[in-house]
Structure formats: structure tokens, C-alpha cells
N, C-alpha and C. Protein backbone atom coordinates (compact mmCIF):
# COMPACT_ATOMS: atom_id res chain seq x y z
N MET A 1 -28.88 10.68 -8.48
CA MET A 1 -27.81 10.36 -9.39
C MET A 1 -28.42 9.64 -10.59
N ASP A 2 -28.18 10.14 -11.76
CA ASP A 2 -28.66 9.51 -12.97
C ASP A 2 -27.51 9.43 -13.96
N ALA A 3 -26.93 8.25 -14.09
CA ALA A 3 -25.78 8.05 -14.98
C ALA A 3 -26.20 7.25 -16.21
N ARG A 4 -27.51 7.12 -16.44
CA ARG A 4 -27.96 6.36 -17.61
C ARG A 4 -27.45 7.01 -18.88
N GLY A 5 -27.00 6.17 -19.80
CA GLY A 5 -26.56 6.64 -21.09
C GLY A 5 -25.12 7.13 -21.13
N LYS A 6 -24.49 7.25 -19.98
CA LYS A 6 -23.09 7.68 -19.98
C LYS A 6 -22.20 6.45 -20.22
N PRO A 7 -21.16 6.61 -21.02
CA PRO A 7 -20.30 5.45 -21.30
C PRO A 7 -19.52 5.04 -20.07
N CYS A 8 -19.30 3.74 -19.94
CA CYS A 8 -18.49 3.21 -18.86
C CYS A 8 -17.06 3.64 -19.11
N PRO A 9 -16.25 3.96 -18.16
CA PRO A 9 -16.50 3.86 -16.72
C PRO A 9 -17.06 5.12 -16.10
N GLN A 10 -17.56 6.05 -16.89
CA GLN A 10 -18.07 7.30 -16.33
C GLN A 10 -19.11 7.09 -15.23
N PRO A 11 -20.10 6.16 -15.38
CA PRO A 11 -21.06 5.97 -14.29
C PRO A 11 -20.40 5.53 -12.99
N VAL A 12 -19.26 4.83 -13.08
CA VAL A 12 -18.58 4.36 -11.88
C VAL A 12 -18.01 5.54 -11.10
N GLY A 13 -17.67 6.62 -11.80
CA GLY A 13 -17.04 7.76 -11.14
C GLY A 13 -18.00 8.79 -10.63
N VAL A 14 -19.29 8.63 -10.85
CA VAL A 14 -20.26 9.61 -10.37
C VAL A 14 -20.36 9.48 -8.86
N GLU A 15 -20.16 10.58 -8.16
CA GLU A 15 -20.26 10.54 -6.71
C GLU A 15 -21.69 10.79 -6.28
N VAL A 16 -22.14 10.01 -5.33
CA VAL A 16 -23.48 10.20 -4.77
C VAL A 16 -23.34 10.99 -3.49
N PRO A 17 -24.43 11.54 -2.95
CA PRO A 17 -24.32 12.31 -1.71
C PRO A 17 -23.65 11.50 -0.60
N ALA A 18 -23.00 12.20 0.28
CA ALA A 18 -22.28 11.54 1.37
C ALA A 18 -23.22 10.72 2.23
N ILE A 19 -22.70 9.61 2.72
CA ILE A 19 -23.45 8.75 3.62
C ILE A 19 -23.00 9.08 5.04
N PRO A 20 -23.92 9.45 5.92
CA PRO A 20 -23.50 9.77 7.29
C PRO A 20 -22.86 8.56 7.95
N GLN A 21 -21.79 8.79 8.68
CA GLN A 21 -21.10 7.72 9.39
C GLN A 21 -21.87 7.41 10.67
N ASP A 22 -21.64 6.20 11.19
CA ASP A 22 -22.30 5.86 12.44
C ASP A 22 -21.66 6.61 13.59
N GLN A 23 -21.93 6.26 14.80
CA GLN A 23 -21.58 7.02 15.98
C GLN A 23 -20.08 7.31 16.13
N GLY A 24 -19.24 6.82 15.24
CA GLY A 24 -17.81 7.04 15.35
C GLY A 24 -17.40 8.49 15.20
N GLY A 25 -18.24 9.32 14.60
CA GLY A 25 -17.96 10.73 14.48
C GLY A 25 -17.09 11.09 13.28
N ALA A 26 -16.76 10.12 12.45
CA ALA A 26 -15.93 10.42 11.27
C ALA A 26 -16.74 11.24 10.28
N SER A 27 -16.04 12.05 9.50
CA SER A 27 -16.76 12.85 8.50
C SER A 27 -17.34 11.95 7.42
N PRO A 28 -18.46 12.38 6.86
CA PRO A 28 -19.08 11.59 5.80
C PRO A 28 -18.17 11.52 4.58
N GLN A 29 -18.21 10.40 3.90
CA GLN A 29 -17.41 10.18 2.70
C GLN A 29 -18.35 9.90 1.53
N PRO A 30 -17.94 10.24 0.30
CA PRO A 30 -18.76 9.87 -0.84
C PRO A 30 -18.90 8.35 -0.90
N ALA A 31 -20.04 7.87 -1.36
CA ALA A 31 -20.28 6.43 -1.40
C ALA A 31 -19.46 5.76 -2.49
N VAL A 32 -19.18 6.46 -3.56
CA VAL A 32 -18.47 5.85 -4.68
C VAL A 32 -17.42 6.84 -5.17
N GLN A 33 -16.24 6.33 -5.42
CA GLN A 33 -15.19 7.15 -6.00
C GLN A 33 -14.65 6.42 -7.22
N MET A 34 -14.10 7.16 -8.15
CA MET A 34 -13.55 6.55 -9.36
C MET A 34 -12.40 5.62 -8.98
N ALA A 35 -12.47 4.39 -9.43
CA ALA A 35 -11.38 3.45 -9.22
C ALA A 35 -10.21 3.86 -10.10
N PRO A 36 -8.97 3.68 -9.62
CA PRO A 36 -7.83 4.08 -10.43
C PRO A 36 -7.79 3.37 -11.77
N ARG A 37 -8.13 2.10 -11.78
CA ARG A 37 -8.21 1.34 -13.02
C ARG A 37 -9.50 0.53 -12.97
N PRO A 38 -10.58 1.04 -13.55
CA PRO A 38 -11.87 0.37 -13.42
C PRO A 38 -11.87 -1.05 -13.96
N THR A 39 -11.03 -1.34 -14.94
CA THR A 39 -11.03 -2.69 -15.50
C THR A 39 -10.65 -3.72 -14.45
N GLN A 40 -9.82 -3.35 -13.49
CA GLN A 40 -9.43 -4.31 -12.47
C GLN A 40 -10.62 -4.76 -11.63
N THR A 41 -11.55 -3.88 -11.37
CA THR A 41 -12.68 -4.26 -10.53
C THR A 41 -13.61 -5.23 -11.23
N VAL A 42 -13.73 -5.14 -12.52
CA VAL A 42 -14.64 -6.01 -13.26
C VAL A 42 -14.01 -7.36 -13.56
N VAL A 43 -12.74 -7.39 -13.87
CA VAL A 43 -12.11 -8.65 -14.27
C VAL A 43 -11.97 -9.62 -13.11
N LEU A 44 -12.13 -9.17 -11.89
CA LEU A 44 -11.97 -10.06 -10.73
C LEU A 44 -12.97 -11.20 -10.74
N THR A 45 -14.14 -11.00 -11.32
CA THR A 45 -15.18 -12.02 -11.32
C THR A 45 -15.28 -12.77 -12.65
N THR A 46 -14.34 -12.53 -13.55
CA THR A 46 -14.43 -13.13 -14.88
C THR A 46 -13.35 -14.18 -15.12
N GLU A 47 -13.57 -14.92 -16.18
CA GLU A 47 -12.67 -15.99 -16.60
C GLU A 47 -11.21 -15.53 -16.58
N GLY A 48 -10.35 -16.34 -15.97
CA GLY A 48 -8.93 -16.03 -15.92
C GLY A 48 -8.49 -15.27 -14.68
N SER A 49 -9.42 -14.83 -13.86
CA SER A 49 -9.07 -14.11 -12.64
C SER A 49 -8.33 -15.04 -11.68
N THR A 50 -7.27 -14.52 -11.08
CA THR A 50 -6.54 -15.32 -10.09
C THR A 50 -7.27 -15.39 -8.75
N LEU A 51 -8.35 -14.62 -8.61
CA LEU A 51 -9.10 -14.60 -7.35
C LEU A 51 -10.38 -15.42 -7.37
N LEU A 52 -10.64 -16.14 -8.45
CA LEU A 52 -11.91 -16.87 -8.55
C LEU A 52 -12.11 -17.86 -7.41
N GLU A 53 -11.07 -18.58 -7.06
CA GLU A 53 -11.21 -19.56 -5.97
C GLU A 53 -11.55 -18.87 -4.65
N ASP A 54 -10.88 -17.75 -4.37
CA ASP A 54 -11.19 -17.00 -3.15
C ASP A 54 -12.61 -16.46 -3.17
N LEU A 55 -13.04 -15.94 -4.33
CA LEU A 55 -14.40 -15.42 -4.45
C LEU A 55 -15.43 -16.54 -4.30
N GLN A 56 -15.12 -17.72 -4.81
CA GLN A 56 -16.02 -18.87 -4.65
C GLN A 56 -16.16 -19.24 -3.18
N ASP A 57 -15.05 -19.18 -2.44
CA ASP A 57 -15.11 -19.45 -0.99
C ASP A 57 -16.02 -18.44 -0.30
N LEU A 58 -15.89 -17.17 -0.67
CA LEU A 58 -16.75 -16.14 -0.09
C LEU A 58 -18.22 -16.39 -0.44
N ALA A 59 -18.48 -16.75 -1.68
CA ALA A 59 -19.85 -17.02 -2.11
C ALA A 59 -20.45 -18.19 -1.33
N HIS A 60 -19.64 -19.21 -1.06
CA HIS A 60 -20.11 -20.35 -0.28
C HIS A 60 -20.42 -19.96 1.17
N GLU A 61 -19.79 -18.88 1.63
CA GLU A 61 -20.05 -18.39 2.98
C GLU A 61 -21.28 -17.48 3.03
N GLY A 62 -21.90 -17.24 1.87
CA GLY A 62 -23.11 -16.42 1.83
C GLY A 62 -22.89 -14.99 1.39
N ILE A 63 -21.67 -14.65 0.97
CA ILE A 63 -21.39 -13.30 0.49
C ILE A 63 -21.94 -13.17 -0.93
N GLU A 64 -22.73 -12.13 -1.16
CA GLU A 64 -23.28 -11.90 -2.49
C GLU A 64 -22.28 -11.11 -3.32
N ILE A 65 -21.94 -11.63 -4.49
CA ILE A 65 -20.94 -11.01 -5.35
C ILE A 65 -21.67 -10.42 -6.56
N LEU A 66 -21.52 -9.13 -6.76
CA LEU A 66 -22.20 -8.42 -7.84
C LEU A 66 -21.18 -7.79 -8.78
N SER A 67 -21.45 -7.84 -10.07
CA SER A 67 -20.61 -7.17 -11.07
C SER A 67 -21.48 -6.22 -11.87
N CYS A 68 -20.97 -5.04 -12.12
CA CYS A 68 -21.71 -4.03 -12.87
C CYS A 68 -21.88 -4.48 -14.33
N GLY A 69 -23.12 -4.62 -14.76
CA GLY A 69 -23.41 -5.05 -16.13
C GLY A 69 -22.94 -4.07 -17.18
N THR A 70 -23.03 -2.77 -16.89
CA THR A 70 -22.55 -1.76 -17.84
C THR A 70 -21.06 -1.91 -18.07
N CYS A 71 -20.32 -2.13 -16.99
CA CYS A 71 -18.86 -2.30 -17.11
C CYS A 71 -18.53 -3.60 -17.83
N LEU A 72 -19.25 -4.68 -17.50
CA LEU A 72 -19.01 -5.95 -18.19
C LEU A 72 -19.27 -5.82 -19.68
N ASP A 73 -20.34 -5.13 -20.04
CA ASP A 73 -20.64 -4.90 -21.46
C ASP A 73 -19.56 -4.06 -22.12
N TYR A 74 -19.18 -2.97 -21.47
CA TYR A 74 -18.20 -2.05 -22.05
C TYR A 74 -16.89 -2.75 -22.35
N TYR A 75 -16.44 -3.60 -21.43
CA TYR A 75 -15.18 -4.31 -21.62
C TYR A 75 -15.36 -5.68 -22.27
N LYS A 76 -16.59 -5.95 -22.75
CA LYS A 76 -16.91 -7.20 -23.44
C LYS A 76 -16.55 -8.43 -22.60
N LEU A 77 -16.95 -8.39 -21.33
CA LEU A 77 -16.65 -9.46 -20.40
C LEU A 77 -17.88 -10.18 -19.88
N LYS A 78 -19.07 -9.75 -20.30
CA LYS A 78 -20.29 -10.33 -19.74
C LYS A 78 -20.35 -11.85 -19.94
N GLU A 79 -19.93 -12.33 -21.10
CA GLU A 79 -19.96 -13.77 -21.38
C GLU A 79 -18.88 -14.53 -20.60
N LYS A 80 -17.93 -13.80 -20.02
CA LYS A 80 -16.84 -14.44 -19.29
C LYS A 80 -17.04 -14.41 -17.78
N LEU A 81 -18.20 -13.92 -17.33
CA LEU A 81 -18.48 -13.86 -15.90
C LEU A 81 -18.48 -15.28 -15.33
N GLU A 82 -17.70 -15.49 -14.29
CA GLU A 82 -17.56 -16.82 -13.69
C GLU A 82 -18.23 -16.94 -12.33
N ILE A 83 -18.33 -15.84 -11.61
CA ILE A 83 -18.86 -15.90 -10.23
C ILE A 83 -19.75 -14.69 -9.98
N GLY A 84 -20.82 -14.91 -9.25
CA GLY A 84 -21.71 -13.81 -8.89
C GLY A 84 -22.76 -13.54 -9.94
N THR A 85 -23.40 -12.39 -9.80
CA THR A 85 -24.49 -12.03 -10.70
C THR A 85 -24.23 -10.66 -11.33
N VAL A 86 -24.85 -10.46 -12.47
CA VAL A 86 -24.77 -9.17 -13.15
C VAL A 86 -25.75 -8.23 -12.47
N SER A 87 -25.29 -7.06 -12.14
CA SER A 87 -26.10 -6.08 -11.44
C SER A 87 -25.93 -4.72 -12.11
N ASN A 88 -26.18 -3.67 -11.34
CA ASN A 88 -25.97 -2.31 -11.85
C ASN A 88 -25.42 -1.45 -10.72
N MET A 89 -24.89 -0.30 -11.07
CA MET A 89 -24.26 0.54 -10.05
C MET A 89 -25.26 1.02 -8.99
N PHE A 90 -26.50 1.24 -9.37
CA PHE A 90 -27.49 1.67 -8.39
C PHE A 90 -27.64 0.61 -7.29
N GLU A 91 -27.79 -0.65 -7.70
CA GLU A 91 -27.95 -1.73 -6.73
C GLU A 91 -26.67 -1.91 -5.90
N ILE A 92 -25.51 -1.84 -6.55
CA ILE A 92 -24.25 -2.02 -5.85
C ILE A 92 -24.06 -0.92 -4.80
N VAL A 93 -24.30 0.32 -5.18
CA VAL A 93 -24.15 1.43 -4.23
C VAL A 93 -25.19 1.32 -3.12
N SER A 94 -26.38 0.87 -3.43
CA SER A 94 -27.41 0.68 -2.40
C SER A 94 -26.97 -0.36 -1.37
N PHE A 95 -26.41 -1.47 -1.85
CA PHE A 95 -25.90 -2.49 -0.93
C PHE A 95 -24.78 -1.91 -0.05
N MET A 96 -23.89 -1.14 -0.68
CA MET A 96 -22.79 -0.55 0.08
C MET A 96 -23.31 0.43 1.13
N ALA A 97 -24.32 1.20 0.77
CA ALA A 97 -24.87 2.19 1.69
C ALA A 97 -25.55 1.52 2.89
N ASP A 98 -26.14 0.36 2.67
CA ASP A 98 -26.84 -0.35 3.74
C ASP A 98 -25.94 -1.28 4.54
N ALA A 99 -24.72 -1.49 4.08
CA ALA A 99 -23.81 -2.44 4.72
C ALA A 99 -23.27 -1.91 6.04
N ASP A 100 -23.02 -2.82 6.95
CA ASP A 100 -22.38 -2.46 8.22
C ASP A 100 -20.91 -2.13 8.00
N ARG A 101 -20.29 -2.82 7.02
CA ARG A 101 -18.88 -2.60 6.70
C ARG A 101 -18.70 -2.69 5.20
N VAL A 102 -17.81 -1.86 4.68
CA VAL A 102 -17.45 -1.91 3.27
C VAL A 102 -15.94 -1.99 3.20
N LEU A 103 -15.43 -3.01 2.50
CA LEU A 103 -13.99 -3.17 2.35
C LEU A 103 -13.52 -2.29 1.23
N ARG A 104 -12.43 -1.59 1.44
CA ARG A 104 -11.85 -0.72 0.42
C ARG A 104 -10.42 -1.14 0.19
N PRO A 105 -9.94 -0.93 -1.05
CA PRO A 105 -8.54 -1.30 -1.31
C PRO A 105 -7.59 -0.42 -0.55
């Protein structure tokens, strides 16, 4: 997958090859799907988010919080990041692929 140079949120919608499921036997699912409103996913970690306190609690528990730098730049939110670190979709998808569990809306 190479989404370099594509405007946001297009890189967010690029599907990567399916990740095999563990022994549960469920069919493989794409690792990333286009969010219905990509701006909602980025604003959660920025100034004014109603979830900042909850995200801070998670961070204190050792949960690593990553925000896509391309999306933050596109929506001019990078300077308003309040929690977590700036990352990229490759790293985010890699973490999701290696995770034992991934929470979905």
C-alpha cells in the first residue's frame, strides 16, 4: 500500500490486504476502512474534544494514543493536538494488525 502524496482523507480509505483472523474461523476483514466522517477520528485527540479526560485516563493506563499526522495537517489541527503522538497511517495500521484486539465503532 502506497498512499504517499494522496490528499487526506484518501490515504485513510485505502484498504490493505486482509488480515487472517485467529482460530475463531471468522472471514478475514480489511485492516482499514473509510471512516464515515474522517474528521471525527482526528478531533478526538485535539483541543476542545469532550473525550480528552477519558483519553488521558487511557494514556495513564499505558494505552498508546496515535493521531495521523497527514489528517492533522489536512484539517489544520496539528498545533491543537492535546493527547498522544503524531504518527502515520502505516504505523497505525501496523499496530492494529499486531494487536490482540481492535475496538471498532
